[in-house]
Amino acid sequence: MAASGVDVNSGSALDTQLSSYMIGELDALTVRNKAIMKQRDYLNQAVDYEAQAGLYTMKGKNAQKAGQLGALGSIIGGIGSVAGKWSSMKLGSSYG
């Protein structure tokens, strides 16, 4: 344009340059904004994963306790059954 005698620093040529510059800046800001939003999404996802891991840990501990209590219940039930049978045998032998 300057070779044809048009002043690129004034008028519509300057408007075109400014418009191109502003569009470039807007594009750069858009890219930065998207990157920040993506970062925030990843951080939120990390927090969600940590919370889920904590829930799985609690679930595992609860299952372990339930298993221990179930085993204890079985042992106590078995002892009661043996004691009942022993008592019946002892009572039965004293009458015979």
N, C-alpha and C. Protein backbone atom coordinates (compact mmCIF):
# COMPACT_ATOMS: atom_id res chain seq x y z
N MET A 1 0.81 -1.18 0.00
CA MET A 1 0.00 0.00 0.00
C MET A 1 0.87 1.25 0.00
N ALA A 2 1.91 1.25 0.81
CA ALA A 2 2.76 2.43 0.89
C ALA A 2 3.45 2.69 -0.44
N ALA A 3 3.74 1.65 -1.22
CA ALA A 3 4.40 1.83 -2.51
C ALA A 3 3.48 2.52 -3.51
N SER A 4 2.19 2.41 -3.34
CA SER A 4 1.25 3.05 -4.25
C SER A 4 0.87 4.45 -3.79
N GLY A 5 1.55 4.95 -2.77
CA GLY A 5 1.31 6.30 -2.32
C GLY A 5 0.26 6.43 -1.26
N VAL A 6 -0.22 5.32 -0.70
CA VAL A 6 -1.23 5.36 0.35
C VAL A 6 -0.51 5.38 1.69
N ASP A 7 -0.93 6.31 2.56
CA ASP A 7 -0.34 6.38 3.90
C ASP A 7 -1.00 5.31 4.78
N VAL A 8 -0.21 4.31 5.17
CA VAL A 8 -0.74 3.20 5.96
C VAL A 8 -0.96 3.58 7.42
N ASN A 9 -0.54 4.78 7.80
CA ASN A 9 -0.68 5.21 9.18
C ASN A 9 -1.84 6.18 9.39
N SER A 10 -2.75 6.23 8.44
CA SER A 10 -3.90 7.13 8.59
C SER A 10 -5.10 6.57 7.83
N GLY A 11 -6.29 7.06 8.17
CA GLY A 11 -7.51 6.70 7.44
C GLY A 11 -7.91 5.26 7.62
N SER A 12 -8.50 4.71 6.55
CA SER A 12 -9.03 3.36 6.62
C SER A 12 -7.92 2.32 6.72
N ALA A 13 -6.73 2.62 6.22
CA ALA A 13 -5.60 1.69 6.36
C ALA A 13 -5.24 1.54 7.84
N LEU A 14 -5.23 2.64 8.56
CA LEU A 14 -4.95 2.59 10.00
C LEU A 14 -6.08 1.87 10.74
N ASP A 15 -7.31 2.13 10.32
CA ASP A 15 -8.46 1.44 10.93
C ASP A 15 -8.34 -0.07 10.74
N THR A 16 -7.91 -0.49 9.57
CA THR A 16 -7.75 -1.91 9.27
C THR A 16 -6.67 -2.51 10.15
N GLN A 17 -5.55 -1.79 10.31
CA GLN A 17 -4.46 -2.27 11.16
C GLN A 17 -4.92 -2.39 12.61
N LEU A 18 -5.62 -1.37 13.10
CA LEU A 18 -6.11 -1.40 14.47
C LEU A 18 -7.11 -2.53 14.68
N SER A 19 -7.98 -2.71 13.70
CA SER A 19 -8.97 -3.78 13.79
C SER A 19 -8.28 -5.14 13.83
N SER A 20 -7.27 -5.33 12.98
CA SER A 20 -6.52 -6.59 12.98
C SER A 20 -5.81 -6.80 14.30
N TYR A 21 -5.22 -5.75 14.84
CA TYR A 21 -4.53 -5.83 16.12
C TYR A 21 -5.51 -6.20 17.23
N MET A 22 -6.68 -5.57 17.25
CA MET A 22 -7.67 -5.83 18.28
C MET A 22 -8.20 -7.26 18.19
N ILE A 23 -8.41 -7.74 16.97
CA ILE A 23 -8.87 -9.12 16.79
C ILE A 23 -7.79 -10.09 17.28
N GLY A 24 -6.54 -9.78 17.00
CA GLY A 24 -5.44 -10.63 17.48
C GLY A 24 -5.38 -10.65 19.00
N GLU A 25 -5.54 -9.50 19.62
CA GLU A 25 -5.53 -9.43 21.09
C GLU A 25 -6.72 -10.18 21.67
N LEU A 26 -7.87 -10.05 21.05
CA LEU A 26 -9.06 -10.77 21.51
C LEU A 26 -8.85 -12.28 21.40
N ASP A 27 -8.24 -12.71 20.30
CA ASP A 27 -7.94 -14.14 20.14
C ASP A 27 -7.00 -14.61 21.24
N ALA A 28 -5.98 -13.81 21.55
CA ALA A 28 -5.02 -14.19 22.59
C ALA A 28 -5.71 -14.28 23.95
N LEU A 29 -6.57 -13.31 24.24
CA LEU A 29 -7.31 -13.34 25.51
C LEU A 29 -8.25 -14.54 25.58
N THR A 30 -8.85 -14.89 24.47
CA THR A 30 -9.74 -16.05 24.43
C THR A 30 -8.96 -17.33 24.72
N VAL A 31 -7.78 -17.45 24.13
CA VAL A 31 -6.94 -18.63 24.36
C VAL A 31 -6.55 -18.70 25.84
N ARG A 32 -6.13 -17.58 26.42
CA ARG A 32 -5.76 -17.55 27.84
C ARG A 32 -6.95 -17.92 28.72
N ASN A 33 -8.10 -17.36 28.41
CA ASN A 33 -9.31 -17.65 29.19
C ASN A 33 -9.66 -19.13 29.13
N LYS A 34 -9.59 -19.72 27.95
CA LYS A 34 -9.89 -21.15 27.81
C LYS A 34 -8.90 -21.98 28.61
N ALA A 35 -7.63 -21.58 28.60
CA ALA A 35 -6.62 -22.32 29.35
C ALA A 35 -6.90 -22.24 30.85
N ILE A 36 -7.29 -21.07 31.33
CA ILE A 36 -7.61 -20.91 32.75
C ILE A 36 -8.84 -21.74 33.12
N MET A 37 -9.84 -21.75 32.26
CA MET A 37 -11.04 -22.55 32.53
C MET A 37 -10.70 -24.03 32.54
N LYS A 38 -9.82 -24.47 31.63
CA LYS A 38 -9.42 -25.87 31.58
C LYS A 38 -8.65 -26.24 32.85
N GLN A 39 -7.78 -25.33 33.29
CA GLN A 39 -7.04 -25.56 34.53
C GLN A 39 -8.01 -25.72 35.70
N ARG A 40 -9.00 -24.84 35.78
CA ARG A 40 -9.98 -24.91 36.86
C ARG A 40 -10.74 -26.24 36.81
N ASP A 41 -11.09 -26.68 35.60
CA ASP A 41 -11.78 -27.96 35.45
C ASP A 41 -10.92 -29.11 35.98
N TYR A 42 -9.62 -29.09 35.65
CA TYR A 42 -8.72 -30.14 36.13
C TYR A 42 -8.58 -30.10 37.65
N LEU A 43 -8.50 -28.91 38.23
CA LEU A 43 -8.40 -28.80 39.68
C LEU A 43 -9.67 -29.32 40.35
N ASN A 44 -10.83 -28.98 39.80
CA ASN A 44 -12.09 -29.49 40.34
C ASN A 44 -12.17 -31.00 40.23
N GLN A 45 -11.70 -31.52 39.12
CA GLN A 45 -11.71 -32.97 38.93
C GLN A 45 -10.78 -33.65 39.95
N ALA A 46 -9.64 -33.02 40.22
CA ALA A 46 -8.72 -33.57 41.22
C ALA A 46 -9.36 -33.61 42.59
N VAL A 47 -10.07 -32.56 42.95
CA VAL A 47 -10.77 -32.52 44.24
C VAL A 47 -11.83 -33.62 44.29
N ASP A 48 -12.56 -33.81 43.20
CA ASP A 48 -13.57 -34.87 43.14
C ASP A 48 -12.93 -36.24 43.32
N TYR A 49 -11.78 -36.47 42.66
CA TYR A 49 -11.09 -37.76 42.78
C TYR A 49 -10.61 -37.99 44.21
N GLU A 50 -10.12 -36.95 44.86
CA GLU A 50 -9.66 -37.08 46.24
C GLU A 50 -10.84 -37.42 47.16
N ALA A 51 -11.97 -36.77 46.94
CA ALA A 51 -13.15 -37.05 47.76
C ALA A 51 -13.62 -38.49 47.53
N GLN A 52 -13.62 -38.92 46.28
CA GLN A 52 -14.04 -40.29 45.96
C GLN A 52 -13.09 -41.30 46.60
N ALA A 53 -11.79 -41.00 46.58
CA ALA A 53 -10.82 -41.90 47.20
C ALA A 53 -11.09 -42.01 48.70
N GLY A 54 -11.43 -40.89 49.33
CA GLY A 54 -11.75 -40.91 50.75
C GLY A 54 -12.98 -41.77 51.04
N LEU A 55 -13.98 -41.67 50.16
CA LEU A 55 -15.18 -42.49 50.33
C LEU A 55 -14.87 -43.97 50.17
N TYR A 56 -14.02 -44.31 49.19
CA TYR A 56 -13.64 -45.70 49.00
C TYR A 56 -12.86 -46.23 50.21
N THR A 57 -12.01 -45.39 50.79
CA THR A 57 -11.26 -45.79 51.98
C THR A 57 -12.22 -46.07 53.14
N MET A 58 -13.18 -45.17 53.35
CA MET A 58 -14.16 -45.39 54.42
C MET A 58 -14.99 -46.64 54.15
N LYS A 59 -15.36 -46.85 52.90
CA LYS A 59 -16.15 -48.04 52.55
C LYS A 59 -15.35 -49.31 52.85
N GLY A 60 -14.07 -49.29 52.52
CA GLY A 60 -13.22 -50.45 52.80
C GLY A 60 -13.08 -50.71 54.28
N LYS A 61 -12.89 -49.65 55.07
CA LYS A 61 -12.78 -49.81 56.52
C LYS A 61 -14.08 -50.33 57.11
N ASN A 62 -15.20 -49.83 56.62
CA ASN A 62 -16.50 -50.31 57.10
C ASN A 62 -16.71 -51.78 56.76
N ALA A 63 -16.30 -52.19 55.57
CA ALA A 63 -16.43 -53.59 55.17
C ALA A 63 -15.54 -54.47 56.05
N GLN A 64 -14.35 -53.98 56.37
CA GLN A 64 -13.45 -54.73 57.24
C GLN A 64 -14.08 -54.91 58.62
N LYS A 65 -14.62 -53.84 59.19
CA LYS A 65 -15.27 -53.92 60.50
C LYS A 65 -16.47 -54.87 60.45
N ALA A 66 -17.25 -54.78 59.38
CA ALA A 66 -18.42 -55.65 59.24
C ALA A 66 -17.99 -57.12 59.19
N GLY A 67 -16.90 -57.38 58.50
CA GLY A 67 -16.38 -58.75 58.44
C GLY A 67 -15.92 -59.25 59.80
N GLN A 68 -15.24 -58.37 60.52
CA GLN A 68 -14.78 -58.74 61.86
C GLN A 68 -15.96 -59.00 62.80
N LEU A 69 -16.96 -58.12 62.74
CA LEU A 69 -18.14 -58.31 63.59
C LEU A 69 -18.91 -59.57 63.21
N GLY A 70 -18.98 -59.85 61.91
CA GLY A 70 -19.64 -61.07 61.46
C GLY A 70 -18.92 -62.32 61.95
N ALA A 71 -17.59 -62.28 61.90
CA ALA A 71 -16.80 -63.41 62.39
C ALA A 71 -17.00 -63.58 63.89
N LEU A 72 -16.98 -62.47 64.61
CA LEU A 72 -17.19 -62.52 66.07
C LEU A 72 -18.57 -63.09 66.38
N GLY A 73 -19.57 -62.67 65.61
CA GLY A 73 -20.93 -63.20 65.81
C GLY A 73 -20.97 -64.70 65.58
N SER A 74 -20.27 -65.16 64.56
CA SER A 74 -20.24 -66.60 64.28
C SER A 74 -19.55 -67.36 65.41
N ILE A 75 -18.47 -66.81 65.92
CA ILE A 75 -17.74 -67.46 67.02
C ILE A 75 -18.63 -67.54 68.26
N ILE A 76 -19.28 -66.43 68.59
CA ILE A 76 -20.16 -66.41 69.77
C ILE A 76 -21.33 -67.38 69.57
N GLY A 77 -21.89 -67.40 68.37
CA GLY A 77 -22.97 -68.34 68.09
C GLY A 77 -22.51 -69.79 68.22
N GLY A 78 -21.31 -70.06 67.74
CA GLY A 78 -20.77 -71.42 67.85
C GLY A 78 -20.52 -71.82 69.30
N ILE A 79 -19.98 -70.87 70.07
CA ILE A 79 -19.76 -71.16 71.49
C ILE A 79 -21.08 -71.42 72.20
N GLY A 80 -22.10 -70.62 71.87
CA GLY A 80 -23.42 -70.83 72.48
C GLY A 80 -24.00 -72.18 72.12
N SER A 81 -23.81 -72.58 70.88
CA SER A 81 -24.33 -73.87 70.43
C SER A 81 -23.62 -75.02 71.14
N VAL A 82 -22.30 -74.93 71.23
CA VAL A 82 -21.53 -75.98 71.92
C VAL A 82 -21.92 -76.03 73.40
N ALA A 83 -22.04 -74.84 74.01
CA ALA A 83 -22.41 -74.80 75.43
C ALA A 83 -23.79 -75.40 75.63
N GLY A 84 -24.71 -75.12 74.73
CA GLY A 84 -26.06 -75.68 74.84
C GLY A 84 -26.05 -77.19 74.72
N LYS A 85 -25.28 -77.70 73.77
CA LYS A 85 -25.20 -79.15 73.59
C LYS A 85 -24.50 -79.81 74.78
N TRP A 86 -23.46 -79.18 75.27
CA TRP A 86 -22.75 -79.72 76.42
C TRP A 86 -23.66 -79.75 77.64
N SER A 87 -24.43 -78.68 77.81
CA SER A 87 -25.35 -78.61 78.94
C SER A 87 -26.41 -79.71 78.82
N SER A 88 -26.91 -79.90 77.61
CA SER A 88 -27.92 -80.96 77.39
C SER A 88 -27.34 -82.33 77.68
N MET A 89 -26.11 -82.55 77.26
CA MET A 89 -25.47 -83.85 77.49
C MET A 89 -25.24 -84.05 78.98
N LYS A 90 -24.82 -83.00 79.67
CA LYS A 90 -24.55 -83.12 81.11
C LYS A 90 -25.85 -83.40 81.87
N LEU A 91 -26.93 -82.70 81.51
CA LEU A 91 -28.21 -82.92 82.14
C LEU A 91 -28.74 -84.32 81.84
N GLY A 92 -28.56 -84.74 80.62
CA GLY A 92 -29.05 -86.07 80.22
C GLY A 92 -28.28 -87.18 80.92
N SER A 93 -27.00 -87.02 81.15
CA SER A 93 -26.21 -88.08 81.78
C SER A 93 -26.50 -88.17 83.28
N SER A 94 -26.95 -87.09 83.91
CA SER A 94 -27.24 -87.18 85.33
C SER A 94 -28.56 -87.91 85.60
N TYR A 95 -29.42 -88.02 84.58
CA TYR A 95 -30.69 -88.75 84.76
C TYR A 95 -30.53 -90.22 84.39
N GLY A 96 -29.47 -90.58 83.77
CA GLY A 96 -29.33 -91.92 83.26
C GLY A 96 -28.56 -92.79 84.07
